[in-house]
């Protein structure tokens, strides 16, 4: 069976929201660094070893700037010419071999299932995270570009809301297909 969806384009606000949510989900533990620094500074203040108040301000400011840096990165993706294809209207044809993204009858692209890193199923949509490993192989980049690329590894995805599927059977088939590919829980027998 082949699933053929309605034409759909990812909204830029939805993209930024999902990318930031994914970034927070994968990097929440870094929040312990500023908390630890505030705790250490509080101990130093209470004991009188190094009384100061400006460290609190610096820690909070740097934390806010760090989060803003990533928000700007994800917002910038929506404005770049290279990522224009993320926000075009596609008809998706999904089967067990591949996902075809069709702009029209002659233009489009193919995404093999081995290029999908993970799938999340939420209340309104499937989110298929596309791996950027093939694009990064063999690239010679500096340390900052590697850090940014690592932070952006979950920023390229297909967002397939349930509303673009034409029938309930297509949604069930999509669930079954994702289970067979190992992206969702076990196939029910």
Protein backbone atom coordinates (compact mmCIF):
# COMPACT_ATOMS: atom_id res chain seq x y z
CA UNK A 1 0.00 0.00 0.00
CA UNK A 2 1.14 3.54 -0.75
CA UNK A 3 0.03 6.45 1.40
CA UNK A 4 -0.59 9.60 -0.63
CA UNK A 5 -1.15 12.69 1.51
CA UNK A 6 -2.73 16.04 0.82
CA UNK A 7 -0.40 18.89 -0.15
CA UNK A 8 1.21 20.37 2.94
CA UNK A 9 3.85 22.98 3.81
CA UNK A 10 5.49 23.29 7.21
CA UNK A 11 4.79 26.66 8.83
CA UNK A 12 7.89 28.57 9.96
CA UNK A 13 6.50 29.24 13.45
CA UNK A 14 5.71 25.55 13.88
CA UNK A 15 9.24 24.70 12.76
CA UNK A 16 10.87 27.10 15.24
CA UNK A 17 8.65 25.85 18.07
CA UNK A 18 9.38 22.17 17.34
CA UNK A 19 13.11 22.76 16.85
CA UNK A 20 13.43 24.67 20.14
CA UNK A 21 11.37 22.06 21.98
CA UNK A 22 13.59 19.30 20.59
CA UNK A 23 16.73 21.26 21.50
CA UNK A 24 15.54 21.74 25.09
CA UNK A 25 14.56 18.06 25.31
CA UNK A 26 18.06 16.96 24.26
CA UNK A 27 20.03 19.59 26.21
CA UNK A 28 18.09 20.09 29.47
CA UNK A 29 20.93 18.71 31.59
CA UNK A 30 23.13 21.71 30.72
CA UNK A 31 20.81 23.72 32.96
CA UNK A 32 22.65 22.22 35.94
CA UNK A 33 25.80 24.20 35.06
CA UNK A 34 24.33 27.64 35.88
CA UNK A 35 22.44 26.17 38.86
CA UNK A 36 25.68 24.67 40.16
CA UNK A 37 27.53 27.96 39.70
CA UNK A 38 24.79 29.84 41.56
CA UNK A 39 24.92 27.25 44.37
CA UNK A 40 28.71 27.49 44.64
CA UNK A 41 28.51 31.30 44.67
CA UNK A 42 25.82 31.19 47.38
CA UNK A 43 28.11 29.02 49.54
CA UNK A 44 31.01 31.43 48.96
CA UNK A 45 28.77 34.37 49.94
CA UNK A 46 27.43 32.70 53.09
CA UNK A 47 30.88 31.66 54.29
CA UNK A 48 32.32 35.08 53.51
CA UNK A 49 35.16 33.66 51.39
CA UNK A 50 34.23 35.70 48.34
CA UNK A 51 31.17 37.89 48.85
CA UNK A 52 29.72 39.23 45.61
CA UNK A 53 26.40 39.79 43.91
CA UNK A 54 27.40 40.40 40.29
CA UNK A 55 28.14 36.71 39.62
CA UNK A 56 24.42 35.94 39.87
CA UNK A 57 23.68 38.53 37.21
CA UNK A 58 26.45 37.26 34.92
CA UNK A 59 25.31 33.63 35.23
CA UNK A 60 21.68 34.47 34.45
CA UNK A 61 22.67 36.76 31.58
CA UNK A 62 24.99 34.16 30.01
CA UNK A 63 22.30 31.48 30.32
CA UNK A 64 19.74 33.71 28.60
CA UNK A 65 22.25 34.58 25.86
CA UNK A 66 23.01 30.89 25.28
CA UNK A 67 19.33 30.02 24.84
CA UNK A 68 18.84 33.08 22.61
CA UNK A 69 21.78 31.98 20.46
CA UNK A 70 19.98 28.73 19.65
CA UNK A 71 16.64 30.49 19.11
CA UNK A 72 18.36 32.77 16.58
CA UNK A 73 19.93 29.74 14.86
CA UNK A 74 16.55 28.05 14.40
CA UNK A 75 14.91 31.30 13.31
CA UNK A 76 17.75 31.87 10.85
CA UNK A 77 17.14 28.50 9.24
CA UNK A 78 13.69 29.69 8.17
CA UNK A 79 15.24 32.67 6.35
CA UNK A 80 18.04 30.90 4.47
CA UNK A 81 17.83 30.15 0.75
CA UNK A 82 19.46 26.73 1.28
CA UNK A 83 16.64 25.59 3.59
CA UNK A 84 13.80 26.94 1.48
CA UNK A 85 12.84 23.37 0.58
CA UNK A 86 11.87 22.65 4.20
CA UNK A 87 8.92 25.04 3.87
CA UNK A 88 7.58 24.21 0.40
CA UNK A 89 4.26 22.48 -0.22
CA UNK A 90 4.72 18.77 -0.85
CA UNK A 91 2.54 15.77 -1.47
CA UNK A 92 4.07 12.87 0.46
CA UNK A 93 3.93 9.35 -0.99
CA UNK A 94 4.95 6.92 1.72
CA UNK A 95 5.58 3.20 1.31
CA UNK A 96 7.81 0.56 2.88
CA UNK A 97 10.83 1.50 0.70
CA UNK A 98 10.90 5.30 0.83
CA UNK A 99 9.18 8.62 1.33
CA UNK A 100 8.67 10.64 -1.84
CA UNK A 101 8.28 14.39 -1.50
CA UNK A 102 6.57 15.74 -4.61
CA UNK A 103 6.31 19.42 -5.46
CA UNK A 104 4.41 18.48 -8.62
CA UNK A 105 4.32 15.54 -11.04
CA UNK A 106 7.90 16.17 -12.22
CA UNK A 107 9.74 17.72 -9.27
CA UNK A 108 10.48 16.32 -5.86
CA UNK A 109 12.82 14.14 -3.90
CA UNK A 110 13.21 10.77 -2.28
CA UNK A 111 13.98 10.09 1.34
CA UNK A 112 15.02 6.52 2.18
CA UNK A 113 13.98 5.06 5.51
CA UNK A 114 17.63 4.65 6.57
CA UNK A 115 17.94 8.46 6.48
CA UNK A 116 15.35 8.77 9.24
CA UNK A 117 16.98 8.85 12.69
CA UNK A 118 13.86 8.82 14.88
CA UNK A 119 10.10 9.30 14.85
CA UNK A 120 7.91 10.95 17.44
CA UNK A 121 4.16 10.53 17.44
CA UNK A 122 2.31 13.19 19.38
CA UNK A 123 -1.32 14.30 19.64
CA UNK A 124 -1.44 16.02 16.26
CA UNK A 125 1.36 14.73 14.03
CA UNK A 126 4.26 12.45 13.22
CA UNK A 127 7.68 14.10 13.46
CA UNK A 128 10.34 12.25 11.45
CA UNK A 129 13.85 13.47 12.31
CA UNK A 130 16.18 13.28 9.32
CA UNK A 131 19.80 12.29 9.93
CA UNK A 132 22.47 14.77 8.85
CA UNK A 133 25.28 12.21 9.22
CA UNK A 134 25.70 11.71 5.46
CA UNK A 135 25.96 15.46 4.91
CA UNK A 136 28.55 15.84 7.68
CA UNK A 137 30.79 12.93 6.56
CA UNK A 138 34.05 14.15 5.11
CA UNK A 139 33.40 17.81 5.84
CA UNK A 140 36.33 19.72 7.25
CA UNK A 141 34.97 22.29 9.66
CA UNK A 142 36.27 24.14 12.69
CA UNK A 143 35.30 23.34 16.28
CA UNK A 144 32.53 25.96 16.43
CA UNK A 145 30.86 24.62 13.28
CA UNK A 146 30.99 21.11 14.79
CA UNK A 147 29.28 22.33 17.96
CA UNK A 148 26.57 24.12 15.97
CA UNK A 149 26.08 21.07 13.72
CA UNK A 150 25.72 18.84 16.78
CA UNK A 151 23.15 21.20 18.27
CA UNK A 152 21.24 21.26 14.97
CA UNK A 153 21.16 17.49 14.47
CA UNK A 154 17.45 17.34 15.36
CA UNK A 155 16.53 20.50 13.46
CA UNK A 156 15.87 18.82 10.13
CA UNK A 157 12.62 16.90 10.21
CA UNK A 158 9.40 16.08 8.41
CA UNK A 159 6.29 17.22 10.21
CA UNK A 160 3.30 15.18 9.06
CA UNK A 161 0.08 16.30 10.78
CA UNK A 162 -2.71 13.74 10.89
CA UNK A 163 -4.94 16.12 8.92
CA UNK A 164 -2.96 15.56 5.69
CA UNK A 165 -3.78 11.85 5.64
CA UNK A 166 -6.92 11.21 3.60
CA UNK A 167 -8.34 8.19 5.46
CA UNK A 168 -8.18 6.55 8.86
CA UNK A 169 -6.72 3.44 7.20
CA UNK A 170 -3.72 5.46 6.00
CA UNK A 171 -3.01 6.54 9.58
CA UNK A 172 -3.22 2.92 10.74
CA UNK A 173 -0.92 1.82 7.92
CA UNK A 174 1.53 4.60 8.82
CA UNK A 175 1.56 3.36 12.44
CA UNK A 176 2.16 -0.21 11.26
CA UNK A 177 4.90 0.88 8.88
CA UNK A 178 6.69 2.87 11.59
CA UNK A 179 6.44 -0.09 13.97
CA UNK A 180 7.92 -2.43 11.35
CA UNK A 181 10.78 -0.01 10.76
CA UNK A 182 11.43 0.07 14.51
CA UNK A 183 10.55 3.72 15.09
CA UNK A 184 7.48 3.13 17.26
CA UNK A 185 6.62 0.38 19.77
CA UNK A 186 6.35 -3.28 18.83
CA UNK A 187 4.01 -4.50 16.11
CA UNK A 188 0.85 -5.85 17.68
CA UNK A 189 0.09 -9.48 16.81
